[in-house]
Amino acid sequence: LLQAALIQLLGKQIKQAGSLVTSNYLRFDFNYHENLTPGMIKELEDIVNKKIWEDLPVTIKEATLAEAKKQGVIAHFGEKYNPENVRIIQIDNFSKELCGGTHVRSTGQIGCFKITDVSAISAGMRRITAATGHKALELFQDNFRTVKSIGQLFKVQPDEVYETVAHQAKLT
């Protein structure tokens, strides 16, 4: 989902350069020459979460590498694949790629998605880390509690916390 969202937002030149996916965390490395703005990060999260909430089926098919290439499957074609048997993961008409990992049966099983960091790992390479599922929910809950506590401390509403703290920082 993230790779398809990156391609949709930033263009077809986006190529995955590595990843780690667990049930609550992901790390995704990709080529891109600029920093991602807060607006771009929000748009990526919105695209991915929309697909999660649509609860789209995830289909897994096997094919030859040549058949996968003809179908336009996204892959690291520089990597070594068994030419006789590759695993194609498809999510509706949104994403189709080669992958050997374990996957959910539908996107809704992911729960939710929150990018926690975007960093440069080398020239022209970026890394996104994100929380998913119950870890993403815990992150939302922890951040809400923090903002609410700061609001109570400053006697302001949660949506006024940032401006209040920024104003205080200018005074010191």
N, C-alpha and C. Protein backbone atom coordinates (compact mmCIF):
# COMPACT_ATOMS: atom_id res chain seq x y z
N LEU A 1 0.82 -1.20 0.00
CA LEU A 1 0.00 0.00 0.00
C LEU A 1 0.86 1.25 0.00
N LEU A 2 1.91 1.27 0.82
CA LEU A 2 2.75 2.45 0.90
C LEU A 2 3.46 2.70 -0.42
N GLN A 3 4.00 1.65 -1.02
CA GLN A 3 4.70 1.84 -2.30
C GLN A 3 3.75 2.37 -3.36
N ALA A 4 2.55 1.84 -3.45
CA ALA A 4 1.58 2.33 -4.43
C ALA A 4 1.20 3.78 -4.14
N ALA A 5 1.06 4.13 -2.87
CA ALA A 5 0.74 5.51 -2.50
C ALA A 5 1.89 6.45 -2.87
N LEU A 6 3.13 6.02 -2.64
CA LEU A 6 4.28 6.84 -3.01
C LEU A 6 4.32 7.06 -4.52
N ILE A 7 4.06 6.03 -5.28
CA ILE A 7 4.05 6.15 -6.74
C ILE A 7 2.93 7.08 -7.18
N GLN A 8 1.77 6.94 -6.58
CA GLN A 8 0.64 7.80 -6.91
C GLN A 8 0.96 9.26 -6.61
N LEU A 9 1.59 9.52 -5.47
CA LEU A 9 1.85 10.89 -5.04
C LEU A 9 3.10 11.49 -5.69
N LEU A 10 4.18 10.70 -5.79
CA LEU A 10 5.48 11.24 -6.21
C LEU A 10 5.88 10.88 -7.64
N GLY A 11 5.28 9.85 -8.20
CA GLY A 11 5.58 9.49 -9.58
C GLY A 11 6.13 8.09 -9.74
N LYS A 12 6.12 7.63 -10.98
CA LYS A 12 6.53 6.25 -11.30
C LYS A 12 8.01 6.00 -11.14
N GLN A 13 8.80 7.05 -10.92
CA GLN A 13 10.24 6.85 -10.73
C GLN A 13 10.57 6.28 -9.36
N ILE A 14 9.58 6.22 -8.46
CA ILE A 14 9.80 5.69 -7.11
C ILE A 14 10.10 4.20 -7.20
N LYS A 15 11.20 3.79 -6.57
CA LYS A 15 11.58 2.38 -6.52
C LYS A 15 11.93 2.02 -5.08
N GLN A 16 11.39 0.91 -4.63
CA GLN A 16 11.70 0.40 -3.30
C GLN A 16 13.17 -0.03 -3.26
N ALA A 17 13.83 0.28 -2.15
CA ALA A 17 15.24 -0.09 -2.00
C ALA A 17 15.45 -0.98 -0.78
N GLY A 18 14.40 -1.44 -0.19
CA GLY A 18 14.48 -2.31 0.98
C GLY A 18 13.28 -2.08 1.87
N SER A 19 12.97 -3.08 2.69
CA SER A 19 11.84 -2.92 3.60
C SER A 19 11.89 -3.98 4.70
N LEU A 20 11.17 -3.69 5.76
CA LEU A 20 10.92 -4.63 6.84
C LEU A 20 9.48 -4.42 7.24
N VAL A 21 8.69 -5.48 7.23
CA VAL A 21 7.27 -5.37 7.56
C VAL A 21 6.95 -6.38 8.64
N THR A 22 6.39 -5.89 9.76
CA THR A 22 5.89 -6.77 10.81
C THR A 22 4.42 -6.41 11.02
N SER A 23 3.77 -7.06 11.98
CA SER A 23 2.35 -6.79 12.19
C SER A 23 2.09 -5.40 12.78
N ASN A 24 3.11 -4.76 13.37
CA ASN A 24 2.90 -3.45 14.01
C ASN A 24 3.84 -2.35 13.55
N TYR A 25 4.75 -2.68 12.65
CA TYR A 25 5.81 -1.74 12.28
C TYR A 25 6.24 -1.99 10.85
N LEU A 26 6.61 -0.92 10.17
CA LEU A 26 7.25 -1.11 8.88
C LEU A 26 8.34 -0.08 8.67
N ARG A 27 9.32 -0.52 7.91
CA ARG A 27 10.41 0.35 7.45
C ARG A 27 10.43 0.19 5.94
N PHE A 28 10.44 1.32 5.22
CA PHE A 28 10.40 1.26 3.76
C PHE A 28 11.42 2.25 3.21
N ASP A 29 12.40 1.74 2.50
CA ASP A 29 13.44 2.57 1.88
C ASP A 29 13.11 2.74 0.40
N PHE A 30 13.29 3.95 -0.12
CA PHE A 30 12.97 4.22 -1.51
C PHE A 30 13.80 5.38 -2.03
N ASN A 31 13.90 5.45 -3.35
CA ASN A 31 14.64 6.54 -3.96
C ASN A 31 13.76 7.77 -4.07
N TYR A 32 14.27 8.89 -3.63
CA TYR A 32 13.62 10.19 -3.82
C TYR A 32 14.61 11.25 -3.42
N HIS A 33 14.69 12.30 -4.19
CA HIS A 33 15.74 13.30 -4.04
C HIS A 33 15.38 14.47 -3.12
N GLU A 34 14.18 14.56 -2.62
CA GLU A 34 13.76 15.67 -1.77
C GLU A 34 13.19 15.16 -0.46
N ASN A 35 13.17 16.07 0.53
CA ASN A 35 12.48 15.74 1.78
C ASN A 35 10.98 15.72 1.53
N LEU A 36 10.27 14.91 2.29
CA LEU A 36 8.82 14.91 2.22
C LEU A 36 8.29 15.98 3.17
N THR A 37 7.38 16.80 2.69
CA THR A 37 6.79 17.85 3.51
C THR A 37 5.74 17.25 4.44
N PRO A 38 5.37 17.97 5.50
CA PRO A 38 4.27 17.47 6.35
C PRO A 38 3.00 17.22 5.55
N GLY A 39 2.71 18.06 4.55
CA GLY A 39 1.53 17.85 3.71
C GLY A 39 1.61 16.57 2.90
N MET A 40 2.81 16.26 2.38
CA MET A 40 2.99 15.02 1.62
C MET A 40 2.83 13.81 2.52
N ILE A 41 3.37 13.90 3.73
CA ILE A 41 3.26 12.79 4.68
C ILE A 41 1.79 12.54 5.02
N LYS A 42 1.04 13.61 5.27
CA LYS A 42 -0.39 13.45 5.56
C LYS A 42 -1.12 12.84 4.37
N GLU A 43 -0.78 13.28 3.16
CA GLU A 43 -1.45 12.74 1.98
C GLU A 43 -1.14 11.25 1.81
N LEU A 44 0.12 10.84 2.06
CA LEU A 44 0.47 9.42 2.01
C LEU A 44 -0.36 8.63 3.01
N GLU A 45 -0.42 9.12 4.25
CA GLU A 45 -1.21 8.45 5.29
C GLU A 45 -2.67 8.35 4.88
N ASP A 46 -3.20 9.43 4.31
CA ASP A 46 -4.61 9.43 3.89
C ASP A 46 -4.87 8.38 2.81
N ILE A 47 -3.97 8.29 1.83
CA ILE A 47 -4.14 7.31 0.75
C ILE A 47 -4.11 5.89 1.32
N VAL A 48 -3.09 5.61 2.14
CA VAL A 48 -2.94 4.26 2.70
C VAL A 48 -4.12 3.93 3.61
N ASN A 49 -4.48 4.83 4.51
CA ASN A 49 -5.60 4.55 5.42
C ASN A 49 -6.92 4.38 4.67
N LYS A 50 -7.14 5.14 3.61
CA LYS A 50 -8.36 4.98 2.81
C LYS A 50 -8.43 3.55 2.27
N LYS A 51 -7.32 3.05 1.76
CA LYS A 51 -7.31 1.68 1.22
C LYS A 51 -7.48 0.65 2.34
N ILE A 52 -6.94 0.92 3.50
CA ILE A 52 -7.15 0.02 4.65
C ILE A 52 -8.64 -0.01 5.00
N TRP A 53 -9.26 1.15 5.11
CA TRP A 53 -10.66 1.22 5.53
C TRP A 53 -11.61 0.69 4.48
N GLU A 54 -11.19 0.64 3.22
CA GLU A 54 -12.02 0.04 2.17
C GLU A 54 -12.06 -1.48 2.32
N ASP A 55 -11.18 -2.03 3.14
CA ASP A 55 -11.14 -3.48 3.42
C ASP A 55 -11.10 -4.29 2.13
N LEU A 56 -10.15 -3.93 1.27
CA LEU A 56 -10.00 -4.57 -0.03
C LEU A 56 -9.40 -5.96 0.12
N PRO A 57 -9.85 -6.91 -0.69
CA PRO A 57 -9.24 -8.24 -0.62
C PRO A 57 -7.80 -8.21 -1.14
N VAL A 58 -6.95 -9.03 -0.55
CA VAL A 58 -5.58 -9.19 -0.99
C VAL A 58 -5.51 -10.55 -1.67
N THR A 59 -5.16 -10.56 -2.94
CA THR A 59 -5.08 -11.82 -3.66
C THR A 59 -3.62 -12.18 -3.90
N ILE A 60 -3.34 -13.45 -3.82
CA ILE A 60 -1.99 -13.97 -4.01
C ILE A 60 -2.05 -14.98 -5.15
N LYS A 61 -1.23 -14.74 -6.16
CA LYS A 61 -1.16 -15.65 -7.31
C LYS A 61 0.30 -15.99 -7.57
N GLU A 62 0.52 -17.11 -8.20
CA GLU A 62 1.86 -17.48 -8.63
C GLU A 62 1.91 -17.45 -10.15
N ALA A 63 3.06 -17.07 -10.68
CA ALA A 63 3.25 -17.00 -12.13
C ALA A 63 4.74 -17.12 -12.42
N THR A 64 5.07 -17.16 -13.69
CA THR A 64 6.49 -17.10 -14.05
C THR A 64 6.90 -15.64 -13.99
N LEU A 65 8.18 -15.40 -13.90
CA LEU A 65 8.69 -14.03 -13.88
C LEU A 65 8.31 -13.29 -15.16
N ALA A 66 8.39 -13.96 -16.29
CA ALA A 66 8.02 -13.35 -17.57
C ALA A 66 6.55 -12.93 -17.58
N GLU A 67 5.67 -13.78 -17.05
CA GLU A 67 4.24 -13.45 -16.98
C GLU A 67 4.01 -12.25 -16.07
N ALA A 68 4.72 -12.21 -14.95
CA ALA A 68 4.58 -11.09 -14.00
C ALA A 68 5.01 -9.79 -14.66
N LYS A 69 6.12 -9.80 -15.39
CA LYS A 69 6.59 -8.59 -16.08
C LYS A 69 5.55 -8.12 -17.10
N LYS A 70 4.95 -9.05 -17.83
CA LYS A 70 3.93 -8.70 -18.83
C LYS A 70 2.72 -8.06 -18.17
N GLN A 71 2.41 -8.48 -16.94
CA GLN A 71 1.27 -7.93 -16.21
C GLN A 71 1.56 -6.58 -15.59
N GLY A 72 2.81 -6.11 -15.69
CA GLY A 72 3.18 -4.81 -15.12
C GLY A 72 3.36 -4.85 -13.62
N VAL A 73 3.68 -5.99 -13.08
CA VAL A 73 3.87 -6.14 -11.65
C VAL A 73 5.10 -5.35 -11.20
N ILE A 74 4.97 -4.63 -10.09
CA ILE A 74 6.09 -3.90 -9.53
C ILE A 74 7.02 -4.88 -8.84
N ALA A 75 8.30 -4.77 -9.16
CA ALA A 75 9.28 -5.67 -8.56
C ALA A 75 10.64 -5.02 -8.62
N HIS A 76 11.56 -5.57 -7.87
CA HIS A 76 12.96 -5.19 -7.97
C HIS A 76 13.54 -6.10 -9.04
N PHE A 77 13.41 -5.71 -10.28
CA PHE A 77 13.82 -6.62 -11.33
C PHE A 77 15.33 -6.79 -11.39
N GLY A 78 16.07 -6.00 -10.61
CA GLY A 78 17.50 -6.24 -10.47
C GLY A 78 17.79 -7.36 -9.49
N GLU A 79 16.80 -7.69 -8.65
CA GLU A 79 16.97 -8.78 -7.69
C GLU A 79 16.80 -10.12 -8.37
N LYS A 80 17.26 -11.15 -7.71
CA LYS A 80 17.16 -12.49 -8.28
C LYS A 80 15.85 -13.13 -7.87
N TYR A 81 15.08 -13.51 -8.87
CA TYR A 81 13.83 -14.21 -8.66
C TYR A 81 13.92 -15.55 -9.40
N ASN A 82 13.23 -16.53 -8.90
CA ASN A 82 13.12 -17.79 -9.61
C ASN A 82 12.28 -17.52 -10.87
N PRO A 83 12.84 -17.64 -12.05
CA PRO A 83 12.08 -17.28 -13.25
C PRO A 83 10.85 -18.17 -13.49
N GLU A 84 10.82 -19.33 -12.86
CA GLU A 84 9.71 -20.25 -13.06
C GLU A 84 8.55 -20.04 -12.09
N ASN A 85 8.81 -19.33 -10.97
CA ASN A 85 7.75 -19.21 -9.98
C ASN A 85 7.98 -17.98 -9.11
N VAL A 86 7.11 -16.98 -9.27
CA VAL A 86 7.13 -15.80 -8.42
C VAL A 86 5.75 -15.64 -7.79
N ARG A 87 5.71 -14.90 -6.70
CA ARG A 87 4.47 -14.70 -5.96
C ARG A 87 3.99 -13.26 -6.20
N ILE A 88 2.79 -13.12 -6.75
CA ILE A 88 2.22 -11.81 -7.05
C ILE A 88 1.17 -11.48 -5.98
N ILE A 89 1.34 -10.35 -5.34
CA ILE A 89 0.39 -9.86 -4.35
C ILE A 89 -0.37 -8.70 -5.00
N GLN A 90 -1.70 -8.79 -5.02
CA GLN A 90 -2.50 -7.74 -5.64
C GLN A 90 -3.57 -7.26 -4.67
N ILE A 91 -3.72 -5.93 -4.61
CA ILE A 91 -4.76 -5.31 -3.81
C ILE A 91 -5.62 -4.51 -4.78
N ASP A 92 -6.76 -5.09 -5.12
CA ASP A 92 -7.71 -4.45 -6.02
C ASP A 92 -6.97 -3.96 -7.27
N ASN A 93 -7.31 -2.79 -7.76
CA ASN A 93 -6.58 -2.21 -8.89
C ASN A 93 -5.57 -1.19 -8.40
N PHE A 94 -5.26 -1.22 -7.11
CA PHE A 94 -4.38 -0.21 -6.51
C PHE A 94 -2.92 -0.63 -6.52
N SER A 95 -2.64 -1.89 -6.21
CA SER A 95 -1.26 -2.33 -6.06
C SER A 95 -1.10 -3.76 -6.56
N LYS A 96 0.01 -3.99 -7.27
CA LYS A 96 0.34 -5.33 -7.73
C LYS A 96 1.86 -5.43 -7.73
N GLU A 97 2.41 -6.33 -6.90
CA GLU A 97 3.86 -6.44 -6.81
C GLU A 97 4.30 -7.86 -6.48
N LEU A 98 5.57 -8.12 -6.72
CA LEU A 98 6.15 -9.40 -6.31
C LEU A 98 6.55 -9.30 -4.86
N CYS A 99 6.27 -10.34 -4.12
CA CYS A 99 6.64 -10.34 -2.71
C CYS A 99 6.59 -11.76 -2.18
N GLY A 100 7.52 -12.08 -1.32
CA GLY A 100 7.56 -13.41 -0.75
C GLY A 100 7.07 -13.48 0.68
N GLY A 101 6.72 -12.32 1.24
CA GLY A 101 6.35 -12.26 2.65
C GLY A 101 4.93 -12.73 2.93
N THR A 102 4.60 -12.76 4.19
CA THR A 102 3.26 -13.11 4.65
C THR A 102 2.39 -11.88 4.55
N HIS A 103 1.15 -12.05 4.17
CA HIS A 103 0.25 -10.91 3.99
C HIS A 103 -1.11 -11.17 4.60
N VAL A 104 -1.83 -10.07 4.82
CA VAL A 104 -3.19 -10.14 5.34
C VAL A 104 -4.13 -10.60 4.23
N ARG A 105 -5.31 -11.03 4.61
CA ARG A 105 -6.30 -11.47 3.62
C ARG A 105 -7.07 -10.30 3.03
N SER A 106 -7.15 -9.22 3.82
CA SER A 106 -7.78 -7.99 3.32
C SER A 106 -7.11 -6.80 4.01
N THR A 107 -7.19 -5.66 3.36
CA THR A 107 -6.49 -4.48 3.89
C THR A 107 -7.03 -4.05 5.25
N GLY A 108 -8.30 -4.31 5.52
CA GLY A 108 -8.89 -3.92 6.79
C GLY A 108 -8.21 -4.55 7.99
N GLN A 109 -7.57 -5.70 7.80
CA GLN A 109 -6.88 -6.36 8.90
C GLN A 109 -5.69 -5.54 9.40
N ILE A 110 -5.22 -4.59 8.61
CA ILE A 110 -4.10 -3.74 9.02
C ILE A 110 -4.53 -2.79 10.13
N GLY A 111 -5.78 -2.35 10.11
CA GLY A 111 -6.31 -1.48 11.15
C GLY A 111 -6.12 -0.01 10.83
N CYS A 112 -4.92 0.48 11.01
CA CYS A 112 -4.60 1.86 10.66
C CYS A 112 -3.09 1.99 10.45
N PHE A 113 -2.68 3.13 9.92
CA PHE A 113 -1.32 3.35 9.49
C PHE A 113 -0.91 4.76 9.88
N LYS A 114 0.25 4.90 10.54
CA LYS A 114 0.75 6.22 10.93
C LYS A 114 2.24 6.29 10.68
N ILE A 115 2.66 7.22 9.84
CA ILE A 115 4.09 7.43 9.59
C ILE A 115 4.68 8.09 10.83
N THR A 116 5.75 7.50 11.34
CA THR A 116 6.40 8.03 12.54
C THR A 116 7.68 8.79 12.24
N ASP A 117 8.29 8.51 11.07
CA ASP A 117 9.52 9.22 10.71
C ASP A 117 9.80 9.07 9.23
N VAL A 118 10.36 10.12 8.66
CA VAL A 118 10.90 10.08 7.30
C VAL A 118 12.29 10.68 7.39
N SER A 119 13.29 9.94 6.93
CA SER A 119 14.67 10.42 7.03
C SER A 119 15.44 10.11 5.76
N ALA A 120 16.51 10.87 5.56
CA ALA A 120 17.43 10.59 4.45
C ALA A 120 18.43 9.57 4.95
N ILE A 121 18.62 8.49 4.19
CA ILE A 121 19.59 7.48 4.61
C ILE A 121 20.86 7.54 3.77
N SER A 122 20.78 8.19 2.62
CA SER A 122 21.94 8.48 1.78
C SER A 122 21.46 9.43 0.69
N ALA A 123 22.37 9.87 -0.17
CA ALA A 123 21.98 10.79 -1.24
C ALA A 123 20.92 10.15 -2.12
N GLY A 124 19.76 10.80 -2.22
CA GLY A 124 18.69 10.31 -3.06
C GLY A 124 17.90 9.14 -2.51
N MET A 125 18.14 8.79 -1.23
CA MET A 125 17.42 7.67 -0.61
C MET A 125 16.73 8.14 0.66
N ARG A 126 15.49 7.73 0.81
CA ARG A 126 14.69 8.07 1.98
C ARG A 126 14.23 6.80 2.67
N ARG A 127 13.94 6.94 3.97
CA ARG A 127 13.39 5.84 4.76
C ARG A 127 12.15 6.35 5.48
N ILE A 128 11.07 5.60 5.31
CA ILE A 128 9.84 5.86 6.06
C ILE A 128 9.71 4.76 7.10
N THR A 129 9.44 5.16 8.34
CA THR A 129 9.06 4.19 9.35
C THR A 129 7.62 4.51 9.75
N ALA A 130 6.88 3.48 10.08
CA ALA A 130 5.47 3.68 10.39
C ALA A 130 5.00 2.63 11.38
N ALA A 131 3.96 3.01 12.10
CA ALA A 131 3.29 2.08 13.01
C ALA A 131 1.98 1.66 12.35
N THR A 132 1.58 0.42 12.60
CA THR A 132 0.32 -0.09 12.08
C THR A 132 -0.43 -0.82 13.19
N GLY A 133 -1.69 -1.11 12.91
CA GLY A 133 -2.49 -1.90 13.84
C GLY A 133 -2.58 -1.29 15.21
N HIS A 134 -2.51 -2.16 16.23
CA HIS A 134 -2.69 -1.67 17.60
C HIS A 134 -1.55 -0.76 18.04
N LYS A 135 -0.36 -0.87 17.46
CA LYS A 135 0.74 0.05 17.81
C LYS A 135 0.43 1.45 17.32
N ALA A 136 -0.19 1.58 16.15
CA ALA A 136 -0.59 2.89 15.65
C ALA A 136 -1.65 3.48 16.57
N LEU A 137 -2.61 2.66 16.99
CA LEU A 137 -3.65 3.14 17.90
C LEU A 137 -3.03 3.59 19.22
N GLU A 138 -2.09 2.82 19.77
CA GLU A 138 -1.40 3.22 21.01
C GLU A 138 -0.69 4.56 20.82
N LEU A 139 -0.06 4.75 19.67
CA LEU A 139 0.62 6.01 19.39
C LEU A 139 -0.37 7.17 19.37
N PHE A 140 -1.51 6.99 18.69
CA PHE A 140 -2.55 8.02 18.68
C PHE A 140 -3.02 8.33 20.10
N GLN A 141 -3.28 7.28 20.88
CA GLN A 141 -3.78 7.47 22.25
C GLN A 141 -2.75 8.18 23.12
N ASP A 142 -1.49 7.77 23.04
CA ASP A 142 -0.43 8.40 23.82
C ASP A 142 -0.28 9.88 23.45
N ASN A 143 -0.28 10.18 22.16
CA ASN A 143 -0.15 11.57 21.73
C ASN A 143 -1.34 12.40 22.15
N PHE A 144 -2.54 11.83 22.09
CA PHE A 144 -3.73 12.56 22.52
C PHE A 144 -3.65 12.88 24.00
N ARG A 145 -3.25 11.87 24.81
CA ARG A 145 -3.12 12.10 26.25
C ARG A 145 -2.09 13.21 26.54
N THR A 146 -0.99 13.20 25.81
CA THR A 146 0.04 14.22 26.01
C THR A 146 -0.49 15.60 25.67
N VAL A 147 -1.14 15.74 24.53
CA VAL A 147 -1.67 17.03 24.12
C VAL A 147 -2.75 17.49 25.11
N LYS A 148 -3.60 16.59 25.55
CA LYS A 148 -4.64 16.95 26.51
C LYS A 148 -4.03 17.41 27.83
N SER A 149 -2.99 16.72 28.29
CA SER A 149 -2.32 17.10 29.54
C SER A 149 -1.66 18.47 29.42
N ILE A 150 -1.02 18.72 28.30
CA ILE A 150 -0.40 20.04 28.09
C ILE A 150 -1.48 21.11 28.04
N GLY A 151 -2.60 20.80 27.38
CA GLY A 151 -3.72 21.75 27.34
C GLY A 151 -4.23 22.07 28.73
N GLN A 152 -4.34 21.06 29.58
CA GLN A 152 -4.80 21.29 30.95
C GLN A 152 -3.80 22.13 31.72
N LEU A 153 -2.52 21.87 31.50
CA LEU A 153 -1.47 22.64 32.16
C LEU A 153 -1.53 24.11 31.79
N PHE A 154 -1.77 24.39 30.51
CA PHE A 154 -1.84 25.78 30.04
C PHE A 154 -3.25 26.33 30.04
N LYS A 155 -4.22 25.52 30.46
CA LYS A 155 -5.63 25.91 30.51
C LYS A 155 -6.15 26.34 29.13
N VAL A 156 -5.85 25.50 28.12
CA VAL A 156 -6.33 25.73 26.76
C VAL A 156 -6.87 24.41 26.20
N GLN A 157 -7.65 24.53 25.13
CA GLN A 157 -8.19 23.36 24.47
C GLN A 157 -7.07 22.64 23.69
N PRO A 158 -7.21 21.32 23.45
CA PRO A 158 -6.18 20.58 22.71
C PRO A 158 -5.80 21.20 21.37
N ASP A 159 -6.77 21.77 20.65
CA ASP A 159 -6.45 22.36 19.35
C ASP A 159 -5.71 23.70 19.47
N GLU A 160 -5.55 24.22 20.70
CA GLU A 160 -4.82 25.46 20.94
C GLU A 160 -3.43 25.21 21.53
N VAL A 161 -3.09 23.96 21.78
CA VAL A 161 -1.83 23.63 22.46
C VAL A 161 -0.62 24.09 21.66
N TYR A 162 -0.58 23.77 20.39
CA TYR A 162 0.61 24.12 19.60
C TYR A 162 0.87 25.62 19.63
N GLU A 163 -0.16 26.42 19.35
CA GLU A 163 0.02 27.87 19.32
C GLU A 163 0.44 28.40 20.70
N THR A 164 -0.13 27.84 21.76
CA THR A 164 0.21 28.26 23.12
C THR A 164 1.66 27.95 23.45
N VAL A 165 2.09 26.74 23.14
CA VAL A 165 3.48 26.35 23.42
C VAL A 165 4.44 27.16 22.55
N ALA A 166 4.10 27.38 21.28
CA ALA A 166 4.95 28.17 20.39
C ALA A 166 5.08 29.60 20.92
N HIS A 167 3.97 30.16 21.41
CA HIS A 167 3.98 31.52 21.98
C HIS A 167 4.88 31.56 23.23
N GLN A 168 4.75 30.56 24.09
CA GLN A 168 5.59 30.48 25.29
C GLN A 168 7.06 30.37 24.93
N ALA A 169 7.37 29.61 23.92
CA ALA A 169 8.77 29.42 23.50
C ALA A 169 9.37 30.74 23.02
N LYS A 170 8.57 31.58 22.39
CA LYS A 170 9.06 32.89 21.92
C LYS A 170 9.34 33.83 23.08
N LEU A 171 8.61 33.66 24.19
CA LEU A 171 8.78 34.51 25.36
C LEU A 171 10.05 34.19 26.13
N THR A 172 10.55 32.97 26.00
CA THR A 172 11.73 32.58 26.79
C THR A 172 13.02 32.72 26.01
